PDB file of N, CA and C in Angstrom:
ATOM      1  N   UNK A   1      87.198  92.703 127.794  1.00  0.00           N
ATOM      2  CA  UNK A   1      87.647  93.900 127.135  1.00  0.00           C
ATOM      3  C   UNK A   1      86.532  94.378 126.217  1.00  0.00           C
ATOM      4  N   UNK A   2      86.213  95.637 126.304  1.00  0.00           N
ATOM      5  CA  UNK A   2      85.131  96.169 125.494  1.00  0.00           C
ATOM      6  C   UNK A   2      85.693  96.776 124.212  1.00  0.00           C
ATOM      7  N   UNK A   3      84.986  96.567 123.148  1.00  0.00           N
ATOM      8  CA  UNK A   3      85.415  97.098 121.851  1.00  0.00           C
ATOM      9  C   UNK A   3      84.780  98.455 121.635  1.00  0.00           C
ATOM     10  N   UNK A   4      85.570  99.377 121.107  1.00  0.00           N
ATOM     11  CA  UNK A   4      85.058 100.705 120.810  1.00  0.00           C
ATOM     12  C   UNK A   4      84.521 100.742 119.390  1.00  0.00           C
ATOM     13  N   UNK A   5      83.484 101.514 119.221  1.00  0.00           N
ATOM     14  CA  UNK A   5      82.953 101.713 117.876  1.00  0.00           C
ATOM     15  C   UNK A   5      83.884 102.673 117.135  1.00  0.00           C
ATOM     16  N   UNK A   6      84.227 102.335 115.917  1.00  0.00           N
ATOM     17  CA  UNK A   6      85.112 103.174 115.123  1.00  0.00           C
ATOM     18  C   UNK A   6      84.274 104.078 114.241  1.00  0.00           C
ATOM     19  N   UNK A   7      84.409 105.362 114.448  1.00  0.00           N
ATOM     20  CA  UNK A   7      83.694 106.338 113.658  1.00  0.00           C
ATOM     21  C   UNK A   7      84.720 107.037 112.771  1.00  0.00           C
ATOM     22  N   UNK A   8      84.532 106.925 111.483  1.00  0.00           N
ATOM     23  CA  UNK A   8      85.457 107.531 110.531  1.00  0.00           C
ATOM     24  C   UNK A   8      84.784 108.752 109.925  1.00  0.00           C
ATOM     25  N   UNK A   9      85.424 109.890 110.086  1.00  0.00           N
ATOM     26  CA  UNK A   9      84.861 111.110 109.528  1.00  0.00           C
ATOM     27  C   UNK A   9      85.064 111.129 108.011  1.00  0.00           C
ATOM     28  N   UNK A  10      84.373 112.042 107.369  1.00  0.00           N
ATOM     29  CA  UNK A  10      84.489 112.172 105.918  1.00  0.00           C
ATOM     30  C   UNK A  10      85.928 112.531 105.519  1.00  0.00           C
ATOM     31  N   UNK A  11      86.549 113.408 106.298  1.00  0.00           N
ATOM     32  CA  UNK A  11      87.922 113.808 105.999  1.00  0.00           C
ATOM     33  C   UNK A  11      88.885 112.645 106.207  1.00  0.00           C
ATOM     34  N   UNK A  12      88.666 111.862 107.247  1.00  0.00           N
ATOM     35  CA  UNK A  12      89.538 110.712 107.495  1.00  0.00           C
ATOM     36  C   UNK A  12      89.379 109.669 106.392  1.00  0.00           C
ATOM     37  N   UNK A  13      88.158 109.490 105.918  1.00  0.00           N
ATOM     38  CA  UNK A  13      87.933 108.567 104.801  1.00  0.00           C
ATOM     39  C   UNK A  13      88.658 109.060 103.548  1.00  0.00           C
ATOM     40  N   UNK A  14      88.622 110.376 103.324  1.00  0.00           N
ATOM     41  CA  UNK A  14      89.366 110.952 102.202  1.00  0.00           C
ATOM     42  C   UNK A  14      90.865 110.703 102.360  1.00  0.00           C
ATOM     43  N   UNK A  15      91.375 110.827 103.589  1.00  0.00           N
ATOM     44  CA  UNK A  15      92.798 110.590 103.832  1.00  0.00           C
ATOM     45  C   UNK A  15      93.183 109.135 103.591  1.00  0.00           C
ATOM     46  N   UNK A  16      92.319 108.220 103.988  1.00  0.00           N
ATOM     47  CA  UNK A  16      92.587 106.797 103.757  1.00  0.00           C
ATOM     48  C   UNK A  16      92.692 106.534 102.262  1.00  0.00           C
ATOM     49  N   UNK A  17      91.734 107.047 101.510  1.00  0.00           N
ATOM     50  CA  UNK A  17      91.755 106.851 100.055  1.00  0.00           C
ATOM     51  C   UNK A  17      92.881 107.626  99.384  1.00  0.00           C
ATOM     52  N   UNK A  18      93.231 108.791  99.918  1.00  0.00           N
ATOM     53  CA  UNK A  18      94.356 109.565  99.396  1.00  0.00           C
ATOM     54  C   UNK A  18      95.660 108.790  99.589  1.00  0.00           C
ATOM     55  N   UNK A  19      95.784 108.128 100.739  1.00  0.00           N
ATOM     56  CA  UNK A  19      96.976 107.314 100.983  1.00  0.00           C
ATOM     57  C   UNK A  19      97.095 106.179  99.985  1.00  0.00           C
ATOM     58  N   UNK A  20      95.970 105.505  99.720  1.00  0.00           N
ATOM     59  CA  UNK A  20      95.980 104.436  98.707  1.00  0.00           C
ATOM     60  C   UNK A  20      96.272 104.994  97.319  1.00  0.00           C
ATOM     61  N   UNK A  21      95.713 106.147  97.023  1.00  0.00           N
ATOM     62  CA  UNK A  21      95.952 106.795  95.732  1.00  0.00           C
ATOM     63  C   UNK A  21      97.436 107.126  95.565  1.00  0.00           C
ATOM     64  N   UNK A  22      98.072 107.591  96.654  1.00  0.00           N
ATOM     65  CA  UNK A  22      99.504 107.884  96.620  1.00  0.00           C
ATOM     66  C   UNK A  22     100.331 106.633  96.364  1.00  0.00           C
ATOM     67  N   UNK A  23      99.936 105.538  96.986  1.00  0.00           N
ATOM     68  CA  UNK A  23     100.676 104.286  96.818  1.00  0.00           C
ATOM     69  C   UNK A  23     100.643 103.849  95.360  1.00  0.00           C
ATOM     70  N   UNK A  24      99.478 103.929  94.736  1.00  0.00           N
ATOM     71  CA  UNK A  24      99.350 103.460  93.355  1.00  0.00           C
ATOM     72  C   UNK A  24      99.824 104.494  92.344  1.00  0.00           C
ATOM     73  N   UNK A  25      99.875 105.755  92.756  1.00  0.00           N
ATOM     74  CA  UNK A  25     100.339 106.805  91.854  1.00  0.00           C
ATOM     75  C   UNK A  25     101.844 106.696  91.629  1.00  0.00           C
ATOM     76  N   UNK A  26     102.591 106.407  92.684  1.00  0.00           N
ATOM     77  CA  UNK A  26     104.043 106.297  92.605  1.00  0.00           C
ATOM     78  C   UNK A  26     104.432 104.911  93.111  1.00  0.00           C
ATOM     79  N   UNK A  27     104.327 103.879  92.253  1.00  0.00           N
ATOM     80  CA  UNK A  27     104.632 102.530  92.715  1.00  0.00           C
ATOM     81  C   UNK A  27     106.085 102.404  93.155  1.00  0.00           C
ATOM     82  N   UNK A  28     106.291 101.717  94.271  1.00  0.00           N
ATOM     83  CA  UNK A  28     107.635 101.465  94.749  1.00  0.00           C
ATOM     84  C   UNK A  28     108.140 102.484  95.746  1.00  0.00           C
ATOM     85  N   UNK A  29     107.554 103.676  95.776  1.00  0.00           N
ATOM     86  CA  UNK A  29     108.052 104.690  96.684  1.00  0.00           C
ATOM     87  C   UNK A  29     107.673 104.370  98.133  1.00  0.00           C
ATOM     88  N   UNK A  30     106.450 103.942  98.356  1.00  0.00           N
ATOM     89  CA  UNK A  30     105.997 103.695  99.718  1.00  0.00           C
ATOM     90  C   UNK A  30     105.687 102.232  99.990  1.00  0.00           C
ATOM     91  N   UNK A  31     105.754 101.398  98.983  1.00  0.00           N
ATOM     92  CA  UNK A  31     105.330 100.021  99.164  1.00  0.00           C
ATOM     93  C   UNK A  31     106.474  99.067  98.888  1.00  0.00           C
ATOM     94  N   UNK A  32     106.246  97.810  99.212  1.00  0.00           N
ATOM     95  CA  UNK A  32     107.248  96.797  98.933  1.00  0.00           C
ATOM     96  C   UNK A  32     107.334  96.548  97.434  1.00  0.00           C
ATOM     97  N   UNK A  33     108.412  95.929  97.010  1.00  0.00           N
ATOM     98  CA  UNK A  33     108.629  95.722  95.580  1.00  0.00           C
ATOM     99  C   UNK A  33     107.575  94.805  94.971  1.00  0.00           C
ATOM    100  N   UNK A  34     107.067  93.826  95.719  1.00  0.00           N
ATOM    101  CA  UNK A  34     106.075  92.904  95.159  1.00  0.00           C
ATOM    102  C   UNK A  34     104.781  93.648  94.835  1.00  0.00           C
ATOM    103  N   UNK A  35     104.392  94.609  95.689  1.00  0.00           N
ATOM    104  CA  UNK A  35     103.194  95.391  95.398  1.00  0.00           C
ATOM    105  C   UNK A  35     103.402  96.248  94.155  1.00  0.00           C
ATOM    106  N   UNK A  36     104.605  96.796  94.003  1.00  0.00           N
ATOM    107  CA  UNK A  36     104.903  97.620  92.830  1.00  0.00           C
ATOM    108  C   UNK A  36     104.856  96.798  91.559  1.00  0.00           C
ATOM    109  N   UNK A  37     105.427  95.601  91.598  1.00  0.00           N
ATOM    110  CA  UNK A  37     105.431  94.735  90.417  1.00  0.00           C
ATOM    111  C   UNK A  37     104.013  94.327  90.060  1.00  0.00           C
ATOM    112  N   UNK A  38     103.213  93.978  91.066  1.00  0.00           N
ATOM    113  CA  UNK A  38     101.824  93.594  90.798  1.00  0.00           C
ATOM    114  C   UNK A  38     101.053  94.753  90.186  1.00  0.00           C
ATOM    115  N   UNK A  39     101.321  95.958  90.673  1.00  0.00           N
ATOM    116  CA  UNK A  39     100.628  97.121  90.133  1.00  0.00           C
ATOM    117  C   UNK A  39     101.035  97.371  88.681  1.00  0.00           C
ATOM    118  N   UNK A  40     102.313  97.240  88.399  1.00  0.00           N
ATOM    119  CA  UNK A  40     102.790  97.506  87.044  1.00  0.00           C
ATOM    120  C   UNK A  40     102.256  96.506  86.029  1.00  0.00           C
ATOM    121  N   UNK A  41     102.070  95.244  86.437  1.00  0.00           N
ATOM    122  CA  UNK A  41     101.550  94.243  85.506  1.00  0.00           C
ATOM    123  C   UNK A  41     100.030  94.208  85.499  1.00  0.00           C
ATOM    124  N   UNK A  42      99.409  95.076  86.270  1.00  0.00           N
ATOM    125  CA  UNK A  42      97.950  95.187  86.232  1.00  0.00           C
ATOM    126  C   UNK A  42      97.231  94.329  87.245  1.00  0.00           C
ATOM    127  N   UNK A  43      97.957  93.649  88.116  1.00  0.00           N
ATOM    128  CA  UNK A  43      97.305  92.836  89.138  1.00  0.00           C
ATOM    129  C   UNK A  43      96.810  93.696  90.276  1.00  0.00           C
ATOM    130  N   UNK A  44      95.799  93.228  90.949  1.00  0.00           N
ATOM    131  CA  UNK A  44      95.274  93.951  92.094  1.00  0.00           C
ATOM    132  C   UNK A  44      96.070  93.508  93.314  1.00  0.00           C
ATOM    133  N   UNK A  45      96.547  94.467  94.061  1.00  0.00           N
ATOM    134  CA  UNK A  45      97.373  94.145  95.220  1.00  0.00           C
ATOM    135  C   UNK A  45      96.707  94.606  96.511  1.00  0.00           C
ATOM    136  N   UNK A  46      95.470  94.347  96.646  1.00  0.00           N
ATOM    137  CA  UNK A  46      94.757  94.757  97.848  1.00  0.00           C
ATOM    138  C   UNK A  46      93.671  95.742  97.509  1.00  0.00           C
ATOM    139  N   UNK A  47      93.533  96.741  98.343  1.00  0.00           N
ATOM    140  CA  UNK A  47      92.456  97.712  98.165  1.00  0.00           C
ATOM    141  C   UNK A  47      92.822  98.733  97.095  1.00  0.00           C
ATOM    142  N   UNK A  48      91.879  99.092  96.296  1.00  0.00           N
ATOM    143  CA  UNK A  48      92.060 100.188  95.350  1.00  0.00           C
ATOM    144  C   UNK A  48      91.482 101.443  95.964  1.00  0.00           C
ATOM    145  N   UNK A  49      92.063 102.551  95.607  1.00  0.00           N
ATOM    146  CA  UNK A  49      91.585 103.827  96.133  1.00  0.00           C
ATOM    147  C   UNK A  49      90.211 104.149  95.557  1.00  0.00           C
ATOM    148  N   UNK A  50      89.278 104.510  96.414  1.00  0.00           N
ATOM    149  CA  UNK A  50      87.929 104.884  96.004  1.00  0.00           C
ATOM    150  C   UNK A  50      87.827 106.409  95.983  1.00  0.00           C
ATOM    151  N   UNK A  51      88.681 107.016  95.159  1.00  0.00           N
ATOM    152  CA  UNK A  51      88.744 108.466  95.108  1.00  0.00           C
ATOM    153  C   UNK A  51      89.115 108.884  93.690  1.00  0.00           C
ATOM    154  N   UNK A  52      88.509 109.967  93.235  1.00  0.00           N
ATOM    155  CA  UNK A  52      88.852 110.456  91.892  1.00  0.00           C
ATOM    156  C   UNK A  52      90.188 111.192  91.956  1.00  0.00           C
ATOM    157  N   UNK A  53      90.822 111.356  90.817  1.00  0.00           N
ATOM    158  CA  UNK A  53      92.088 112.082  90.772  1.00  0.00           C
ATOM    159  C   UNK A  53      91.907 113.529  91.220  1.00  0.00           C
ATOM    160  N   UNK A  54      90.805 114.141  90.829  1.00  0.00           N
ATOM    161  CA  UNK A  54      90.548 115.534  91.215  1.00  0.00           C
ATOM    162  C   UNK A  54      90.427 115.669  92.734  1.00  0.00           C
ATOM    163  N   UNK A  55      89.678 114.758  93.338  1.00  0.00           N
ATOM    164  CA  UNK A  55      89.500 114.804  94.793  1.00  0.00           C
ATOM    165  C   UNK A  55      90.822 114.504  95.505  1.00  0.00           C
ATOM    166  N   UNK A  56      91.576 113.545  94.995  1.00  0.00           N
ATOM    167  CA  UNK A  56      92.864 113.205  95.596  1.00  0.00           C
ATOM    168  C   UNK A  56      93.839 114.376  95.491  1.00  0.00           C
ATOM    169  N   UNK A  57      93.819 115.079  94.372  1.00  0.00           N
ATOM    170  CA  UNK A  57      94.686 116.246  94.226  1.00  0.00           C
ATOM    171  C   UNK A  57      94.264 117.373  95.160  1.00  0.00           C
ATOM    172  N   UNK A  58      92.965 117.474  95.426  1.00  0.00           N
ATOM    173  CA  UNK A  58      92.474 118.462  96.394  1.00  0.00           C
ATOM    174  C   UNK A  58      92.994 118.142  97.799  1.00  0.00           C
ATOM    175  N   UNK A  59      92.950 116.864  98.164  1.00  0.00           N
ATOM    176  CA  UNK A  59      93.478 116.441  99.465  1.00  0.00           C
ATOM    177  C   UNK A  59      94.992 116.637  99.491  1.00  0.00           C
ATOM    178  N   UNK A  60      95.661 116.317  98.379  1.00  0.00           N
ATOM    179  CA  UNK A  60      97.107 116.478  98.276  1.00  0.00           C
ATOM    180  C   UNK A  60      97.502 117.943  98.476  1.00  0.00           C
ATOM    181  N   UNK A  61      96.727 118.843  97.890  1.00  0.00           N
ATOM    182  CA  UNK A  61      96.985 120.274  98.040  1.00  0.00           C
ATOM    183  C   UNK A  61      96.806 120.715  99.497  1.00  0.00           C
ATOM    184  N   UNK A  62      95.764 120.208 100.144  1.00  0.00           N
ATOM    185  CA  UNK A  62      95.530 120.542 101.553  1.00  0.00           C
ATOM    186  C   UNK A  62      96.663 120.001 102.426  1.00  0.00           C
ATOM    187  N   UNK A  63      97.143 118.811 102.103  1.00  0.00           N
ATOM    188  CA  UNK A  63      98.259 118.226 102.857  1.00  0.00           C
ATOM    189  C   UNK A  63      99.536 119.027 102.641  1.00  0.00           C
ATOM    190  N   UNK A  64      99.715 119.580 101.447  1.00  0.00           N
ATOM    191  CA  UNK A  64     100.877 120.427 101.178  1.00  0.00           C
ATOM    192  C   UNK A  64     100.821 121.694 102.025  1.00  0.00           C
ATOM    193  N   UNK A  65      99.609 122.246 102.188  1.00  0.00           N
ATOM    194  CA  UNK A  65      99.441 123.420 103.062  1.00  0.00           C
ATOM    195  C   UNK A  65      99.756 123.063 104.507  1.00  0.00           C
ATOM    196  N   UNK A  66      99.324 121.878 104.933  1.00  0.00           N
ATOM    197  CA  UNK A  66      99.640 121.418 106.288  1.00  0.00           C
ATOM    198  C   UNK A  66     101.148 121.263 106.450  1.00  0.00           C
ATOM    199  N   UNK A  67     101.802 120.713 105.434  1.00  0.00           N
ATOM    200  CA  UNK A  67     103.254 120.508 105.499  1.00  0.00           C
ATOM    201  C   UNK A  67     103.981 121.840 105.653  1.00  0.00           C
ATOM    202  N   UNK A  68     103.489 122.886 104.986  1.00  0.00           N
ATOM    203  CA  UNK A  68     104.084 124.216 105.145  1.00  0.00           C
ATOM    204  C   UNK A  68     103.850 124.763 106.542  1.00  0.00           C
ATOM    205  N   UNK A  69     102.673 124.519 107.090  1.00  0.00           N
ATOM    206  CA  UNK A  69     102.325 125.055 108.410  1.00  0.00           C
ATOM    207  C   UNK A  69     103.008 124.276 109.534  1.00  0.00           C
ATOM    208  N   UNK A  70     103.026 122.943 109.437  1.00  0.00           N
ATOM    209  CA  UNK A  70     103.589 122.108 110.504  1.00  0.00           C
ATOM    210  C   UNK A  70     104.074 120.793 109.900  1.00  0.00           C
ATOM    211  N   UNK A  71     105.367 120.730 109.627  1.00  0.00           N
ATOM    212  CA  UNK A  71     105.932 119.559 108.960  1.00  0.00           C
ATOM    213  C   UNK A  71     105.784 118.293 109.806  1.00  0.00           C
ATOM    214  N   UNK A  72     105.877 118.420 111.124  1.00  0.00           N
ATOM    215  CA  UNK A  72     105.765 117.254 112.001  1.00  0.00           C
ATOM    216  C   UNK A  72     104.378 116.610 111.896  1.00  0.00           C
ATOM    217  N   UNK A  73     103.328 117.434 111.821  1.00  0.00           N
ATOM    218  CA  UNK A  73     101.972 116.891 111.680  1.00  0.00           C
ATOM    219  C   UNK A  73     101.814 116.190 110.340  1.00  0.00           C
ATOM    220  N   UNK A  74     102.373 116.780 109.284  1.00  0.00           N
ATOM    221  CA  UNK A  74     102.304 116.142 107.972  1.00  0.00           C
ATOM    222  C   UNK A  74     103.000 114.784 107.994  1.00  0.00           C
ATOM    223  N   UNK A  75     104.149 114.717 108.655  1.00  0.00           N
ATOM    224  CA  UNK A  75     104.886 113.444 108.722  1.00  0.00           C
ATOM    225  C   UNK A  75     104.083 112.372 109.450  1.00  0.00           C
ATOM    226  N   UNK A  76     103.321 112.776 110.471  1.00  0.00           N
ATOM    227  CA  UNK A  76     102.455 111.812 111.154  1.00  0.00           C
ATOM    228  C   UNK A  76     101.386 111.283 110.203  1.00  0.00           C
ATOM    229  N   UNK A  77     100.784 112.181 109.404  1.00  0.00           N
ATOM    230  CA  UNK A  77      99.777 111.744 108.423  1.00  0.00           C
ATOM    231  C   UNK A  77     100.403 110.825 107.375  1.00  0.00           C
ATOM    232  N   UNK A  78     101.614 111.143 106.952  1.00  0.00           N
ATOM    233  CA  UNK A  78     102.298 110.305 105.971  1.00  0.00           C
ATOM    234  C   UNK A  78     102.548 108.906 106.523  1.00  0.00           C
ATOM    235  N   UNK A  79     103.002 108.840 107.775  1.00  0.00           N
ATOM    236  CA  UNK A  79     103.244 107.522 108.387  1.00  0.00           C
ATOM    237  C   UNK A  79     101.946 106.739 108.546  1.00  0.00           C
ATOM    238  N   UNK A  80     100.868 107.437 108.880  1.00  0.00           N
ATOM    239  CA  UNK A  80      99.592 106.760 109.140  1.00  0.00           C
ATOM    240  C   UNK A  80      98.855 106.357 107.864  1.00  0.00           C
ATOM    241  N   UNK A  81      98.742 107.272 106.910  1.00  0.00           N
ATOM    242  CA  UNK A  81      97.865 107.023 105.770  1.00  0.00           C
ATOM    243  C   UNK A  81      98.577 106.588 104.496  1.00  0.00           C
ATOM    244  N   UNK A  82      99.844 106.921 104.343  1.00  0.00           N
ATOM    245  CA  UNK A  82     100.564 106.470 103.151  1.00  0.00           C
ATOM    246  C   UNK A  82     101.375 105.215 103.458  1.00  0.00           C
ATOM    247  N   UNK A  83     102.134 105.270 104.542  1.00  0.00           N
ATOM    248  CA  UNK A  83     102.941 104.097 104.896  1.00  0.00           C
ATOM    249  C   UNK A  83     102.139 103.055 105.666  1.00  0.00           C
ATOM    250  N   UNK A  84     100.915 103.430 106.081  1.00  0.00           N
ATOM    251  CA  UNK A  84      99.950 102.508 106.697  1.00  0.00           C
ATOM    252  C   UNK A  84     100.462 101.883 108.000  1.00  0.00           C
ATOM    253  N   UNK A  85     101.182 102.651 108.810  1.00  0.00           N
ATOM    254  CA  UNK A  85     101.713 102.137 110.072  1.00  0.00           C
ATOM    255  C   UNK A  85     100.687 102.271 111.193  1.00  0.00           C
ATOM    256  N   UNK A  86     100.672 101.319 112.116  1.00  0.00           N
ATOM    257  CA  UNK A  86      99.776 101.442 113.274  1.00  0.00           C
ATOM    258  C   UNK A  86     100.234 102.590 114.188  1.00  0.00           C
ATOM    259  N   UNK A  87      99.311 103.093 114.978  1.00  0.00           N
ATOM    260  CA  UNK A  87      99.585 104.215 115.882  1.00  0.00           C
ATOM    261  C   UNK A  87     100.737 103.895 116.833  1.00  0.00           C
ATOM    262  N   UNK A  88     100.779 102.683 117.347  1.00  0.00           N
ATOM    263  CA  UNK A  88     101.829 102.297 118.302  1.00  0.00           C
ATOM    264  C   UNK A  88     103.206 102.392 117.646  1.00  0.00           C
ATOM    265  N   UNK A  89     103.321 101.927 116.420  1.00  0.00           N
ATOM    266  CA  UNK A  89     104.604 101.965 115.706  1.00  0.00           C
ATOM    267  C   UNK A  89     104.995 103.414 115.409  1.00  0.00           C
ATOM    268  N   UNK A  90     104.019 104.234 115.043  1.00  0.00           N
ATOM    269  CA  UNK A  90     104.305 105.653 114.809  1.00  0.00           C
ATOM    270  C   UNK A  90     104.820 106.289 116.103  1.00  0.00           C
ATOM    271  N   UNK A  91     104.182 105.950 117.221  1.00  0.00           N
ATOM    272  CA  UNK A  91     104.624 106.469 118.513  1.00  0.00           C
ATOM    273  C   UNK A  91     106.060 106.084 118.824  1.00  0.00           C
ATOM    274  N   UNK A  92     106.415 104.843 118.517  1.00  0.00           N
ATOM    275  CA  UNK A  92     107.794 104.405 118.733  1.00  0.00           C
ATOM    276  C   UNK A  92     108.761 105.163 117.827  1.00  0.00           C
ATOM    277  N   UNK A  93     108.363 105.413 116.600  1.00  0.00           N
ATOM    278  CA  UNK A  93     109.235 106.133 115.653  1.00  0.00           C
ATOM    279  C   UNK A  93     109.467 107.578 116.064  1.00  0.00           C
ATOM    280  N   UNK A  94     108.429 108.234 116.540  1.00  0.00           N
ATOM    281  CA  UNK A  94     108.571 109.654 116.887  1.00  0.00           C
ATOM    282  C   UNK A  94     108.873 109.870 118.360  1.00  0.00           C
ATOM    283  N   UNK A  95     108.896 108.795 119.142  1.00  0.00           N
ATOM    284  CA  UNK A  95     109.221 108.898 120.554  1.00  0.00           C
ATOM    285  C   UNK A  95     108.124 109.518 121.391  1.00  0.00           C
ATOM    286  N   UNK A  96     106.884 109.158 121.087  1.00  0.00           N
ATOM    287  CA  UNK A  96     105.747 109.703 121.831  1.00  0.00           C
ATOM    288  C   UNK A  96     104.773 108.578 122.173  1.00  0.00           C
ATOM    289  N   UNK A  97     103.970 108.817 123.174  1.00  0.00           N
ATOM    290  CA  UNK A  97     102.933 107.881 123.578  1.00  0.00           C
ATOM    291  C   UNK A  97     101.856 107.801 122.491  1.00  0.00           C
ATOM    292  N   UNK A  98     101.203 106.666 122.397  1.00  0.00           N
ATOM    293  CA  UNK A  98     100.186 106.487 121.355  1.00  0.00           C
ATOM    294  C   UNK A  98      99.026 107.472 121.500  1.00  0.00           C
ATOM    295  N   UNK A  99      98.709 107.854 122.740  1.00  0.00           N
ATOM    296  CA  UNK A  99      97.629 108.828 122.949  1.00  0.00           C
ATOM    297  C   UNK A  99      98.010 110.204 122.408  1.00  0.00           C
ATOM    298  N   UNK A 100      99.280 110.562 122.571  1.00  0.00           N
ATOM    299  CA  UNK A 100      99.760 111.841 122.040  1.00  0.00           C
ATOM    300  C   UNK A 100      99.713 111.803 120.518  1.00  0.00           C
ATOM    301  N   UNK A 101     100.156 110.699 119.935  1.00  0.00           N
ATOM    302  CA  UNK A 101     100.136 110.550 118.478  1.00  0.00           C
ATOM    303  C   UNK A 101      98.704 110.624 117.962  1.00  0.00           C
ATOM    304  N   UNK A 102      97.785 109.941 118.636  1.00  0.00           N
ATOM    305  CA  UNK A 102      96.377 109.954 118.228  1.00  0.00           C
ATOM    306  C   UNK A 102      95.809 111.369 118.264  1.00  0.00           C
ATOM    307  N   UNK A 103      96.114 112.118 119.325  1.00  0.00           N
ATOM    308  CA  UNK A 103      95.630 113.501 119.432  1.00  0.00           C
ATOM    309  C   UNK A 103      96.223 114.394 118.350  1.00  0.00           C
ATOM    310  N   UNK A 104      97.506 114.215 118.064  1.00  0.00           N
ATOM    311  CA  UNK A 104      98.152 115.051 117.036  1.00  0.00           C
ATOM    312  C   UNK A 104      97.594 114.731 115.650  1.00  0.00           C
ATOM    313  N   UNK A 105      97.340 113.454 115.372  1.00  0.00           N
ATOM    314  CA  UNK A 105      96.743 113.085 114.090  1.00  0.00           C
ATOM    315  C   UNK A 105      95.326 113.657 114.001  1.00  0.00           C
ATOM    316  N   UNK A 106      94.580 113.604 115.103  1.00  0.00           N
ATOM    317  CA  UNK A 106      93.232 114.184 115.116  1.00  0.00           C
ATOM    318  C   UNK A 106      93.296 115.690 114.864  1.00  0.00           C
ATOM    319  N   UNK A 107      94.302 116.351 115.405  1.00  0.00           N
ATOM    320  CA  UNK A 107      94.485 117.779 115.154  1.00  0.00           C
ATOM    321  C   UNK A 107      94.797 118.057 113.692  1.00  0.00           C
ATOM    322  N   UNK A 108      95.627 117.210 113.092  1.00  0.00           N
ATOM    323  CA  UNK A 108      95.954 117.362 111.671  1.00  0.00           C
ATOM    324  C   UNK A 108      94.714 117.148 110.809  1.00  0.00           C
ATOM    325  N   UNK A 109      93.887 116.173 111.178  1.00  0.00           N
ATOM    326  CA  UNK A 109      92.653 115.916 110.435  1.00  0.00           C
ATOM    327  C   UNK A 109      91.715 117.106 110.550  1.00  0.00           C
ATOM    328  N   UNK A 110      91.638 117.715 111.720  1.00  0.00           N
ATOM    329  CA  UNK A 110      90.804 118.899 111.911  1.00  0.00           C
ATOM    330  C   UNK A 110      91.305 120.059 111.061  1.00  0.00           C
ATOM    331  N   UNK A 111      92.619 120.237 111.011  1.00  0.00           N
ATOM    332  CA  UNK A 111      93.210 121.280 110.172  1.00  0.00           C
ATOM    333  C   UNK A 111      92.826 121.062 108.706  1.00  0.00           C
ATOM    334  N   UNK A 112      92.974 119.822 108.239  1.00  0.00           N
ATOM    335  CA  UNK A 112      92.618 119.502 106.853  1.00  0.00           C
ATOM    336  C   UNK A 112      91.126 119.659 106.612  1.00  0.00           C
ATOM    337  N   UNK A 113      90.323 119.311 107.609  1.00  0.00           N
ATOM    338  CA  UNK A 113      88.873 119.453 107.485  1.00  0.00           C
ATOM    339  C   UNK A 113      88.498 120.924 107.261  1.00  0.00           C
ATOM    340  N   UNK A 114      89.180 121.830 107.951  1.00  0.00           N
ATOM    341  CA  UNK A 114      88.916 123.262 107.778  1.00  0.00           C
ATOM    342  C   UNK A 114      89.324 123.726 106.383  1.00  0.00           C
ATOM    343  N   UNK A 115      90.385 123.158 105.826  1.00  0.00           N
ATOM    344  CA  UNK A 115      90.815 123.542 104.480  1.00  0.00           C
ATOM    345  C   UNK A 115      89.880 122.955 103.433  1.00  0.00           C
ATOM    346  N   UNK A 116      89.513 121.685 103.609  1.00  0.00           N
ATOM    347  CA  UNK A 116      88.703 120.993 102.603  1.00  0.00           C
ATOM    348  C   UNK A 116      87.230 121.397 102.642  1.00  0.00           C
ATOM    349  N   UNK A 117      86.725 121.768 103.818  1.00  0.00           N
ATOM    350  CA  UNK A 117      85.308 122.120 103.972  1.00  0.00           C
ATOM    351  C   UNK A 117      85.168 123.475 104.653  1.00  0.00           C
ATOM    352  N   UNK A 118      85.600 124.553 104.008  1.00  0.00           N
ATOM    353  CA  UNK A 118      85.524 125.861 104.683  1.00  0.00           C
ATOM    354  C   UNK A 118      84.093 126.312 104.959  1.00  0.00           C
ATOM    355  N   UNK A 119      83.126 125.818 104.182  1.00  0.00           N
ATOM    356  CA  UNK A 119      81.736 126.220 104.410  1.00  0.00           C
ATOM    357  C   UNK A 119      81.161 125.595 105.680  1.00  0.00           C
ATOM    358  N   UNK A 120      81.819 124.565 106.198  1.00  0.00           N
ATOM    359  CA  UNK A 120      81.333 123.911 107.402  1.00  0.00           C
ATOM    360  C   UNK A 120      81.734 124.676 108.675  1.00  0.00           C
ATOM    361  N   UNK A 121      82.635 125.618 108.533  1.00  0.00           N
ATOM    362  CA  UNK A 121      83.093 126.382 109.684  1.00  0.00           C
ATOM    363  C   UNK A 121      82.040 127.448 109.988  1.00  0.00           C
ATOM    364  N   UNK A 122      81.612 127.492 111.222  1.00  0.00           N
ATOM    365  CA  UNK A 122      80.599 128.472 111.633  1.00  0.00           C
ATOM    366  C   UNK A 122      81.206 129.873 111.603  1.00  0.00           C
ATOM    367  N   UNK A 123      80.493 130.839 111.085  1.00  0.00           N
ATOM    368  CA  UNK A 123      81.019 132.203 111.078  1.00  0.00           C
ATOM    369  C   UNK A 123      81.104 132.772 112.488  1.00  0.00           C
ATOM    370  N   UNK A 124      82.129 133.557 112.719  1.00  0.00           N
ATOM    371  CA  UNK A 124      82.318 134.165 114.017  1.00  0.00           C
ATOM    372  C   UNK A 124      81.943 135.635 113.902  1.00  0.00           C
ATOM    373  N   UNK A 125      81.003 136.056 114.729  1.00  0.00           N
ATOM    374  CA  UNK A 125      80.553 137.448 114.730  1.00  0.00           C
ATOM    375  C   UNK A 125      81.121 138.121 115.972  1.00  0.00           C
ATOM    376  N   UNK A 126      81.866 139.171 115.749  1.00  0.00           N
ATOM    377  CA  UNK A 126      82.461 139.880 116.884  1.00  0.00           C
ATOM    378  C   UNK A 126      81.825 141.247 117.003  1.00  0.00           C
TER     379      UNK A 126
END
């Protein structure tokens, strides 16, 4: 079996850290009680978010825009980056094949990439 190289885009890295930031911002909402207790007493419970509050709020705002545009895509991002579920489990929850879930998440990331980096979009001349 051949292993694929994992390439994480800048936007996907922001989403990973935004998910961790969400977990620590609202302890107990998305995590188990032991993680919440460890967070409240100041213990480290795994990875800390490597994102500033300003940057996380920028991603949060972009995700809110996505939620207004397509709630189903936002829910996929929530399951993947906040609840930290594997693609296969997300597919079982939403009743779709893992390839479909992967494509939809990639589409959501592209949507967020356009919101977060509008200068990266090539101008269209008609």
